[in-house]
């Protein structure tokens, strides 16, 4: 199935714009280092995480 398609051993698997990004461990890492928001921006997707950061800065 999907594990063979991506050659990745775990699920869930995330694809952005048809390209395999990784599993939840990779997505968590991307979130923690800020890469996830940047990748979403490249696709024209505004992340709610940006709004949360702005709200935190106002406090």
PDB file of N, CA and C in Angstrom:
ATOM      1  N   UNK A   1       0.798  -1.180   0.000  1.00  0.00           N
ATOM      2  CA  UNK A   1       0.000   0.000   0.000  1.00  0.00           C
ATOM      3  C   UNK A   1       0.852   1.261   0.000  1.00  0.00           C
ATOM      4  N   UNK A   2       0.432   2.179   0.840  1.00  0.00           N
ATOM      5  CA  UNK A   2       1.051   3.511   0.899  1.00  0.00           C
ATOM      6  C   UNK A   2       2.509   3.431   1.362  1.00  0.00           C
ATOM      7  N   UNK A   3       2.821   2.488   2.239  1.00  0.00           N
ATOM      8  CA  UNK A   3       4.207   2.346   2.704  1.00  0.00           C
ATOM      9  C   UNK A   3       5.140   1.991   1.553  1.00  0.00           C
ATOM     10  N   UNK A   4       4.665   1.178   0.635  1.00  0.00           N
ATOM     11  CA  UNK A   4       5.471   0.819  -0.534  1.00  0.00           C
ATOM     12  C   UNK A   4       5.570   1.982  -1.508  1.00  0.00           C
ATOM     13  N   UNK A   5       4.480   2.738  -1.652  1.00  0.00           N
ATOM     14  CA  UNK A   5       4.448   3.868  -2.582  1.00  0.00           C
ATOM     15  C   UNK A   5       5.506   4.909  -2.224  1.00  0.00           C
ATOM     16  N   UNK A   6       5.596   5.232  -0.942  1.00  0.00           N
ATOM     17  CA  UNK A   6       6.528   6.276  -0.509  1.00  0.00           C
ATOM     18  C   UNK A   6       7.872   5.725  -0.053  1.00  0.00           C
ATOM     19  N   UNK A   7       7.950   4.412   0.115  1.00  0.00           N
ATOM     20  CA  UNK A   7       9.146   3.788   0.671  1.00  0.00           C
ATOM     21  C   UNK A   7       9.436   4.333   2.070  1.00  0.00           C
ATOM     22  N   UNK A   8       8.370   4.552   2.840  1.00  0.00           N
ATOM     23  CA  UNK A   8       8.462   5.065   4.207  1.00  0.00           C
ATOM     24  C   UNK A   8       7.739   4.077   5.111  1.00  0.00           C
ATOM     25  N   UNK A   9       8.343   3.671   6.237  1.00  0.00           N
ATOM     26  CA  UNK A   9       7.807   2.554   7.008  1.00  0.00           C
ATOM     27  C   UNK A   9       6.574   2.836   7.871  1.00  0.00           C
ATOM     28  N   UNK A  10       6.255   4.086   8.126  1.00  0.00           N
ATOM     29  CA  UNK A  10       5.172   4.369   9.066  1.00  0.00           C
ATOM     30  C   UNK A  10       4.050   5.172   8.424  1.00  0.00           C
ATOM     31  N   UNK A  11       2.895   5.124   9.071  1.00  0.00           N
ATOM     32  CA  UNK A  11       1.770   5.967   8.686  1.00  0.00           C
ATOM     33  C   UNK A  11       1.277   6.648   9.957  1.00  0.00           C
ATOM     34  N   UNK A  12       0.681   7.818   9.916  1.00  0.00           N
ATOM     35  CA  UNK A  12       0.246   8.535   8.716  1.00  0.00           C
ATOM     36  C   UNK A  12       1.418   9.134   7.946  1.00  0.00           C
ATOM     37  N   UNK A  13       1.150   9.444   6.701  1.00  0.00           N
ATOM     38  CA  UNK A  13       2.134  10.078   5.830  1.00  0.00           C
ATOM     39  C   UNK A  13       1.524  11.359   5.277  1.00  0.00           C
ATOM     40  N   UNK A  14       2.326  12.403   5.214  1.00  0.00           N
ATOM     41  CA  UNK A  14       1.841  13.701   4.749  1.00  0.00           C
ATOM     42  C   UNK A  14       2.476  14.034   3.405  1.00  0.00           C
ATOM     43  N   UNK A  15       1.631  14.477   2.498  1.00  0.00           N
ATOM     44  CA  UNK A  15       2.056  14.911   1.169  1.00  0.00           C
ATOM     45  C   UNK A  15       1.642  16.362   0.999  1.00  0.00           C
ATOM     46  N   UNK A  16       2.530  17.191   0.487  1.00  0.00           N
ATOM     47  CA  UNK A  16       2.212  18.578   0.152  1.00  0.00           C
ATOM     48  C   UNK A  16       2.426  18.759  -1.332  1.00  0.00           C
ATOM     49  N   UNK A  17       1.379  19.191  -2.004  1.00  0.00           N
ATOM     50  CA  UNK A  17       1.439  19.409  -3.451  1.00  0.00           C
ATOM     51  C   UNK A  17       1.894  18.147  -4.189  1.00  0.00           C
ATOM     52  N   UNK A  18       1.430  16.993  -3.698  1.00  0.00           N
ATOM     53  CA  UNK A  18       1.751  15.721  -4.327  1.00  0.00           C
ATOM     54  C   UNK A  18       3.119  15.162  -3.987  1.00  0.00           C
ATOM     55  N   UNK A  19       3.865  15.852  -3.146  1.00  0.00           N
ATOM     56  CA  UNK A  19       5.216  15.414  -2.786  1.00  0.00           C
ATOM     57  C   UNK A  19       5.235  14.909  -1.347  1.00  0.00           C
ATOM     58  N   UNK A  20       5.818  13.748  -1.152  1.00  0.00           N
ATOM     59  CA  UNK A  20       5.895  13.160   0.182  1.00  0.00           C
ATOM     60  C   UNK A  20       6.797  14.001   1.072  1.00  0.00           C
ATOM     61  N   UNK A  21       6.270  14.383   2.243  1.00  0.00           N
ATOM     62  CA  UNK A  21       7.036  15.176   3.202  1.00  0.00           C
ATOM     63  C   UNK A  21       7.581  14.286   4.308  1.00  0.00           C
ATOM     64  N   UNK A  22       6.746  13.431   4.862  1.00  0.00           N
ATOM     65  CA  UNK A  22       7.184  12.538   5.921  1.00  0.00           C
ATOM     66  C   UNK A  22       6.026  12.122   6.797  1.00  0.00           C
ATOM     67  N   UNK A  23       6.371  11.446   7.875  1.00  0.00           N
ATOM     68  CA  UNK A  23       5.376  11.016   8.840  1.00  0.00           C
ATOM     69  C   UNK A  23       5.230  12.039   9.947  1.00  0.00           C
ATOM     70  N   UNK A  24       4.491  11.663  10.981  1.00  0.00           N
ATOM     71  CA  UNK A  24       4.222  12.627  12.045  1.00  0.00           C
ATOM     72  C   UNK A  24       5.494  13.044  12.777  1.00  0.00           C
ATOM     73  N   UNK A  25       6.495  12.173  12.852  1.00  0.00           N
ATOM     74  CA  UNK A  25       7.747  12.556  13.508  1.00  0.00           C
ATOM     75  C   UNK A  25       8.447  13.676  12.739  1.00  0.00           C
ATOM     76  N   UNK A  26       8.438  13.584  11.422  1.00  0.00           N
ATOM     77  CA  UNK A  26       9.056  14.613  10.582  1.00  0.00           C
ATOM     78  C   UNK A  26       8.257  15.910  10.659  1.00  0.00           C
ATOM     79  N   UNK A  27       6.920  15.799  10.622  1.00  0.00           N
ATOM     80  CA  UNK A  27       6.071  16.991  10.701  1.00  0.00           C
ATOM     81  C   UNK A  27       6.239  17.693  12.041  1.00  0.00           C
ATOM     82  N   UNK A  28       6.349  16.939  13.115  1.00  0.00           N
ATOM     83  CA  UNK A  28       6.564  17.532  14.428  1.00  0.00           C
ATOM     84  C   UNK A  28       7.889  18.282  14.455  1.00  0.00           C
ATOM     85  N   UNK A  29       8.916  17.678  13.911  1.00  0.00           N
ATOM     86  CA  UNK A  29      10.229  18.319  13.844  1.00  0.00           C
ATOM     87  C   UNK A  29      10.162  19.599  13.003  1.00  0.00           C
ATOM     88  N   UNK A  30       9.465  19.533  11.870  1.00  0.00           N
ATOM     89  CA  UNK A  30       9.321  20.711  11.009  1.00  0.00           C
ATOM     90  C   UNK A  30       8.558  21.817  11.732  1.00  0.00           C
ATOM     91  N   UNK A  31       7.544  21.444  12.497  1.00  0.00           N
ATOM     92  CA  UNK A  31       6.786  22.426  13.275  1.00  0.00           C
ATOM     93  C   UNK A  31       7.687  23.089  14.316  1.00  0.00           C
ATOM     94  N   UNK A  32       8.461  22.288  15.015  1.00  0.00           N
ATOM     95  CA  UNK A  32       9.301  22.803  16.091  1.00  0.00           C
ATOM     96  C   UNK A  32      10.389  23.739  15.594  1.00  0.00           C
ATOM     97  N   UNK A  33      10.926  23.500  14.395  1.00  0.00           N
ATOM     98  CA  UNK A  33      11.999  24.372  13.910  1.00  0.00           C
ATOM     99  C   UNK A  33      11.513  25.448  12.939  1.00  0.00           C
ATOM    100  N   UNK A  34      10.188  25.528  12.727  1.00  0.00           N
ATOM    101  CA  UNK A  34       9.628  26.593  11.893  1.00  0.00           C
ATOM    102  C   UNK A  34       9.535  26.275  10.414  1.00  0.00           C
ATOM    103  N   UNK A  35      10.026  25.120  10.001  1.00  0.00           N
ATOM    104  CA  UNK A  35      10.006  24.769   8.576  1.00  0.00           C
ATOM    105  C   UNK A  35       8.603  24.495   8.044  1.00  0.00           C
ATOM    106  N   UNK A  36       7.712  23.985   8.887  1.00  0.00           N
ATOM    107  CA  UNK A  36       6.369  23.643   8.425  1.00  0.00           C
ATOM    108  C   UNK A  36       5.625  24.882   7.949  1.00  0.00           C
ATOM    109  N   UNK A  37       5.668  25.948   8.720  1.00  0.00           N
ATOM    110  CA  UNK A  37       4.996  27.191   8.330  1.00  0.00           C
ATOM    111  C   UNK A  37       5.567  27.704   7.013  1.00  0.00           C
ATOM    112  N   UNK A  38       6.868  27.612   6.840  1.00  0.00           N
ATOM    113  CA  UNK A  38       7.506  28.084   5.610  1.00  0.00           C
ATOM    114  C   UNK A  38       7.078  27.248   4.403  1.00  0.00           C
ATOM    115  N   UNK A  39       7.004  25.940   4.573  1.00  0.00           N
ATOM    116  CA  UNK A  39       6.571  25.074   3.470  1.00  0.00           C
ATOM    117  C   UNK A  39       5.120  25.354   3.104  1.00  0.00           C
ATOM    118  N   UNK A  40       4.284  25.586   4.092  1.00  0.00           N
ATOM    119  CA  UNK A  40       2.885  25.919   3.817  1.00  0.00           C
ATOM    120  C   UNK A  40       2.778  27.249   3.075  1.00  0.00           C
ATOM    121  N   UNK A  41       3.595  28.219   3.476  1.00  0.00           N
ATOM    122  CA  UNK A  41       3.602  29.528   2.793  1.00  0.00           C
ATOM    123  C   UNK A  41       3.932  29.374   1.317  1.00  0.00           C
ATOM    124  N   UNK A  42       4.898  28.527   1.003  1.00  0.00           N
ATOM    125  CA  UNK A  42       5.294  28.305  -0.391  1.00  0.00           C
ATOM    126  C   UNK A  42       4.124  27.813  -1.233  1.00  0.00           C
ATOM    127  N   UNK A  43       3.186  27.122  -0.593  1.00  0.00           N
ATOM    128  CA  UNK A  43       2.025  26.578  -1.293  1.00  0.00           C
ATOM    129  C   UNK A  43       0.824  27.524  -1.243  1.00  0.00           C
ATOM    130  N   UNK A  44       1.025  28.696  -0.639  1.00  0.00           N
ATOM    131  CA  UNK A  44      -0.065  29.657  -0.541  1.00  0.00           C
ATOM    132  C   UNK A  44      -1.038  29.349   0.581  1.00  0.00           C
ATOM    133  N   UNK A  45      -0.589  28.577   1.554  1.00  0.00           N
ATOM    134  CA  UNK A  45      -1.442  28.214   2.690  1.00  0.00           C
ATOM    135  C   UNK A  45      -0.996  29.018   3.900  1.00  0.00           C
ATOM    136  N   UNK A  46      -1.918  29.803   4.433  1.00  0.00           N
ATOM    137  CA  UNK A  46      -1.608  30.588   5.625  1.00  0.00           C
ATOM    138  C   UNK A  46      -1.870  29.723   6.852  1.00  0.00           C
ATOM    139  N   UNK A  47      -0.883  29.595   7.682  1.00  0.00           N
ATOM    140  CA  UNK A  47      -0.988  28.762   8.869  1.00  0.00           C
ATOM    141  C   UNK A  47      -1.585  29.544  10.033  1.00  0.00           C
ATOM    142  N   UNK A  48      -2.489  28.916  10.752  1.00  0.00           N
ATOM    143  CA  UNK A  48      -3.045  29.512  11.964  1.00  0.00           C
ATOM    144  C   UNK A  48      -1.958  29.677  13.023  1.00  0.00           C
ATOM    145  N   UNK A  49      -0.858  28.964  12.870  1.00  0.00           N
ATOM    146  CA  UNK A  49       0.253  29.099  13.811  1.00  0.00           C
ATOM    147  C   UNK A  49       0.815  30.512  13.800  1.00  0.00           C
ATOM    148  N   UNK A  50       0.774  31.176  12.658  1.00  0.00           N
ATOM    149  CA  UNK A  50       1.259  32.556  12.575  1.00  0.00           C
ATOM    150  C   UNK A  50       0.406  33.480  13.426  1.00  0.00           C
ATOM    151  N   UNK A  51      -0.909  33.291  13.375  1.00  0.00           N
ATOM    152  CA  UNK A  51      -1.809  34.104  14.184  1.00  0.00           C
ATOM    153  C   UNK A  51      -1.591  33.843  15.666  1.00  0.00           C
ATOM    154  N   UNK A  52      -1.356  32.607  16.026  1.00  0.00           N
ATOM    155  CA  UNK A  52      -1.107  32.261  17.422  1.00  0.00           C
ATOM    156  C   UNK A  52       0.171  32.928  17.918  1.00  0.00           C
ATOM    157  N   UNK A  53       1.202  32.982  17.070  1.00  0.00           N
ATOM    158  CA  UNK A  53       2.455  33.642  17.445  1.00  0.00           C
ATOM    159  C   UNK A  53       2.231  35.130  17.661  1.00  0.00           C
ATOM    160  N   UNK A  54       1.458  35.763  16.781  1.00  0.00           N
ATOM    161  CA  UNK A  54       1.177  37.197  16.917  1.00  0.00           C
ATOM    162  C   UNK A  54       0.410  37.476  18.197  1.00  0.00           C
ATOM    163  N   UNK A  55      -0.564  36.614  18.521  1.00  0.00           N
ATOM    164  CA  UNK A  55      -1.336  36.781  19.748  1.00  0.00           C
ATOM    165  C   UNK A  55      -0.435  36.670  20.973  1.00  0.00           C
ATOM    166  N   UNK A  56       0.530  35.765  20.947  1.00  0.00           N
ATOM    167  CA  UNK A  56       1.459  35.600  22.060  1.00  0.00           C
ATOM    168  C   UNK A  56       2.357  36.828  22.203  1.00  0.00           C
ATOM    169  N   UNK A  57       2.758  37.412  21.067  1.00  0.00           N
ATOM    170  CA  UNK A  57       3.625  38.587  21.090  1.00  0.00           C
ATOM    171  C   UNK A  57       2.923  39.795  21.696  1.00  0.00           C
ATOM    172  N   UNK A  58       1.611  39.881  21.548  1.00  0.00           N
ATOM    173  CA  UNK A  58       0.837  41.012  22.068  1.00  0.00           C
ATOM    174  C   UNK A  58       0.716  40.975  23.581  1.00  0.00           C
ATOM    175  N   UNK A  59       0.877  39.791  24.174  1.00  0.00           N
ATOM    176  CA  UNK A  59       0.686  39.642  25.628  1.00  0.00           C
ATOM    177  C   UNK A  59       1.879  40.093  26.404  1.00  0.00           C
TER     178      UNK A  59
END
